[in-house]
Amino acid sequence: MAVELNIPPPPETGLPAGVSASAMRDLGVRAEYEAALNTNQKHAKNAIYQHRLRESESRVENALKALVTKAAPRQLKQMNVSLYRSKLSAQRKMQVAAILTSAAIVEK
């Protein structure tokens, strides 16, 4: 579900999107609207969290690239061993291995 800027209330209220739940007299309709607002808030928090994760991942990858360009061959080998032993997912290991491999190719 996409994050909405303003959640429209149930149509039977005749109220505009973004209205406060307290403006609804029918408690059932109000509860339905509050649930929709809460769901949207959870989606927004998740979207922010995912964005921060992607930003962090980018910074870490750039730092790793800078590190491996300065690493000695023996250090690159140890990084590969550590990578193999790590608990990273197979997909992530492949991504990191590609960075380590590109450093080894540049060095030659």
C-alpha atoms as a PDB file:
ATOM      1  CA  MET A   1       0.000   0.000   0.000  1.00  0.00           C
ATOM      2  CA  ALA A   2       1.224   3.459  -0.824  1.00  0.00           C
ATOM      3  CA  VAL A   3       1.560   6.142   1.804  1.00  0.00           C
ATOM      4  CA  GLU A   4      -1.161   8.765   1.493  1.00  0.00           C
ATOM      5  CA  LEU A   5      -0.714  12.403   2.407  1.00  0.00           C
ATOM      6  CA  ASN A   6      -4.359  12.672   3.482  1.00  0.00           C
ATOM      7  CA  ILE A   7      -6.561   9.668   4.077  1.00  0.00           C
ATOM      8  CA  PRO A   8     -10.117  10.180   2.860  1.00  0.00           C
ATOM      9  CA  PRO A   9     -12.731   9.360   5.484  1.00  0.00           C
ATOM     10  CA  PRO A  10     -15.524   6.920   4.659  1.00  0.00           C
ATOM     11  CA  PRO A  11     -17.694   8.441   1.908  1.00  0.00           C
ATOM     12  CA  GLU A  12     -20.863   8.417   4.019  1.00  0.00           C
ATOM     13  CA  THR A  13     -19.392  11.122   6.262  1.00  0.00           C
ATOM     14  CA  GLY A  14     -19.252  13.673   3.455  1.00  0.00           C
ATOM     15  CA  LEU A  15     -16.081  15.048   5.063  1.00  0.00           C
ATOM     16  CA  PRO A  16     -12.894  15.970   3.189  1.00  0.00           C
ATOM     17  CA  ALA A  17      -9.658  13.983   3.271  1.00  0.00           C
ATOM     18  CA  GLY A  18      -7.395  14.830   6.171  1.00  0.00           C
ATOM     19  CA  VAL A  19     -10.222  15.651   8.554  1.00  0.00           C
ATOM     20  CA  SER A  20      -9.744  14.817  12.221  1.00  0.00           C
ATOM     21  CA  ALA A  21     -11.364  11.594  13.358  1.00  0.00           C
ATOM     22  CA  SER A  22     -13.009  13.509  16.201  1.00  0.00           C
ATOM     23  CA  ALA A  23     -15.167  15.268  13.587  1.00  0.00           C
ATOM     24  CA  MET A  24     -17.090  12.019  13.047  1.00  0.00           C
ATOM     25  CA  ARG A  25     -20.107  11.398  15.232  1.00  0.00           C
ATOM     26  CA  ASP A  26     -20.667   7.763  14.271  1.00  0.00           C
ATOM     27  CA  LEU A  27     -18.299   5.778  16.492  1.00  0.00           C
ATOM     28  CA  GLY A  28     -18.113   2.869  14.051  1.00  0.00           C
ATOM     29  CA  VAL A  29     -17.169   5.137  11.164  1.00  0.00           C
ATOM     30  CA  ARG A  30     -14.701   6.971  13.407  1.00  0.00           C
ATOM     31  CA  ALA A  31     -13.051   3.678  14.414  1.00  0.00           C
ATOM     32  CA  GLU A  32     -12.811   2.642  10.748  1.00  0.00           C
ATOM     33  CA  TYR A  33     -11.185   5.975   9.874  1.00  0.00           C
ATOM     34  CA  GLU A  34      -8.784   5.828  12.827  1.00  0.00           C
ATOM     35  CA  ALA A  35      -7.731   2.325  11.754  1.00  0.00           C
ATOM     36  CA  ALA A  36      -7.029   3.629   8.231  1.00  0.00           C
ATOM     37  CA  LEU A  37      -5.019   6.534   9.686  1.00  0.00           C
ATOM     38  CA  ASN A  38      -2.998   4.150  11.870  1.00  0.00           C
ATOM     39  CA  THR A  39      -2.302   1.834   8.944  1.00  0.00           C
ATOM     40  CA  ASN A  40      -1.136   4.763   6.835  1.00  0.00           C
ATOM     41  CA  GLN A  41       1.115   5.977   9.651  1.00  0.00           C
ATOM     42  CA  LYS A  42       2.704   2.517   9.903  1.00  0.00           C
ATOM     43  CA  HIS A  43       3.308   2.504   6.145  1.00  0.00           C
ATOM     44  CA  ALA A  44       4.878   5.965   6.345  1.00  0.00           C
ATOM     45  CA  LYS A  45       7.222   4.887   9.147  1.00  0.00           C
ATOM     46  CA  ASN A  46       8.193   1.804   7.175  1.00  0.00           C
ATOM     47  CA  ALA A  47       8.870   3.878   4.049  1.00  0.00           C
ATOM     48  CA  ILE A  48      11.120   6.226   6.028  1.00  0.00           C
ATOM     49  CA  TYR A  49      12.948   3.258   7.571  1.00  0.00           C
ATOM     50  CA  GLN A  50      13.477   1.638   4.155  1.00  0.00           C
ATOM     51  CA  HIS A  51      14.789   4.923   2.740  1.00  0.00           C
ATOM     52  CA  ARG A  52      17.278   5.250   5.592  1.00  0.00           C
ATOM     53  CA  LEU A  53      18.411   1.663   5.064  1.00  0.00           C
ATOM     54  CA  ARG A  54      19.076   2.338   1.372  1.00  0.00           C
ATOM     55  CA  GLU A  55      21.034   5.486   2.251  1.00  0.00           C
ATOM     56  CA  SER A  56      23.092   3.568   4.824  1.00  0.00           C
ATOM     57  CA  GLU A  57      23.736   0.762   2.372  1.00  0.00           C
ATOM     58  CA  SER A  58      25.040   3.247  -0.174  1.00  0.00           C
ATOM     59  CA  ARG A  59      27.402   4.846   2.364  1.00  0.00           C
ATOM     60  CA  VAL A  60      28.706   1.447   3.493  1.00  0.00           C
ATOM     61  CA  GLU A  61      29.300   0.311  -0.099  1.00  0.00           C
ATOM     62  CA  ASN A  62      31.214   3.508  -0.879  1.00  0.00           C
ATOM     63  CA  ALA A  63      33.317   3.087   2.260  1.00  0.00           C
ATOM     64  CA  LEU A  64      34.039  -0.539   1.332  1.00  0.00           C
ATOM     65  CA  LYS A  65      35.069   0.472  -2.191  1.00  0.00           C
ATOM     66  CA  ALA A  66      37.448   3.072  -0.765  1.00  0.00           C
ATOM     67  CA  LEU A  67      38.859   0.516   1.673  1.00  0.00           C
ATOM     68  CA  VAL A  68      39.466  -2.253  -0.849  1.00  0.00           C
ATOM     69  CA  THR A  69      41.239   0.049  -3.288  1.00  0.00           C
ATOM     70  CA  LYS A  70      43.896   0.568  -0.591  1.00  0.00           C
ATOM     71  CA  ALA A  71      44.022  -3.041   0.619  1.00  0.00           C
ATOM     72  CA  ALA A  72      46.987  -5.303   0.000  1.00  0.00           C
ATOM     73  CA  PRO A  73      46.341  -8.608  -1.808  1.00  0.00           C
ATOM     74  CA  ARG A  74      46.650 -10.531   1.463  1.00  0.00           C
ATOM     75  CA  GLN A  75      44.048  -8.259   3.057  1.00  0.00           C
ATOM     76  CA  LEU A  76      41.683  -8.773   0.113  1.00  0.00           C
ATOM     77  CA  LYS A  77      42.064 -12.515   0.528  1.00  0.00           C
ATOM     78  CA  GLN A  78      41.212 -12.229   4.229  1.00  0.00           C
ATOM     79  CA  MET A  79      38.195 -10.076   3.390  1.00  0.00           C
ATOM     80  CA  ASN A  80      36.980 -12.797   1.020  1.00  0.00           C
ATOM     81  CA  VAL A  81      37.436 -15.455   3.713  1.00  0.00           C
ATOM     82  CA  SER A  82      35.537 -13.316   6.209  1.00  0.00           C
ATOM     83  CA  LEU A  83      32.820 -12.696   3.653  1.00  0.00           C
ATOM     84  CA  TYR A  84      32.464 -16.432   3.015  1.00  0.00           C
ATOM     85  CA  ARG A  85      32.121 -17.072   6.764  1.00  0.00           C
ATOM     86  CA  SER A  86      29.672 -14.234   7.338  1.00  0.00           C
ATOM     87  CA  LYS A  87      25.958 -14.646   7.923  1.00  0.00           C
ATOM     88  CA  LEU A  88      25.044 -12.325   5.059  1.00  0.00           C
ATOM     89  CA  SER A  89      22.473 -13.517   2.556  1.00  0.00           C
ATOM     90  CA  ALA A  90      23.767 -15.176  -0.602  1.00  0.00           C
ATOM     91  CA  GLN A  91      22.657 -12.184  -2.659  1.00  0.00           C
ATOM     92  CA  ARG A  92      24.473  -9.723  -0.402  1.00  0.00           C
ATOM     93  CA  LYS A  93      27.608 -11.895  -0.399  1.00  0.00           C
ATOM     94  CA  MET A  94      27.594 -11.769  -4.197  1.00  0.00           C
ATOM     95  CA  GLN A  95      27.320  -7.975  -4.136  1.00  0.00           C
ATOM     96  CA  VAL A  96      30.212  -7.608  -1.689  1.00  0.00           C
ATOM     97  CA  ALA A  97      32.275 -10.194  -3.578  1.00  0.00           C
ATOM     98  CA  ALA A  98      31.819  -8.140  -6.752  1.00  0.00           C
ATOM     99  CA  ILE A  99      33.253  -5.102  -4.955  1.00  0.00           C
ATOM    100  CA  LEU A 100      36.201  -7.140  -3.672  1.00  0.00           C
ATOM    101  CA  THR A 101      36.785  -8.671  -7.109  1.00  0.00           C
ATOM    102  CA  SER A 102      36.718  -5.294  -8.845  1.00  0.00           C
ATOM    103  CA  ALA A 103      39.374  -4.083  -6.411  1.00  0.00           C
ATOM    104  CA  ALA A 104      41.559  -7.068  -7.203  1.00  0.00           C
ATOM    105  CA  ILE A 105      41.183  -6.442 -10.945  1.00  0.00           C
ATOM    106  CA  VAL A 106      42.058  -2.751 -10.591  1.00  0.00           C
ATOM    107  CA  GLU A 107      45.166  -3.680  -8.614  1.00  0.00           C
ATOM    108  CA  LYS A 108      46.594  -5.958 -11.333  1.00  0.00           C
END
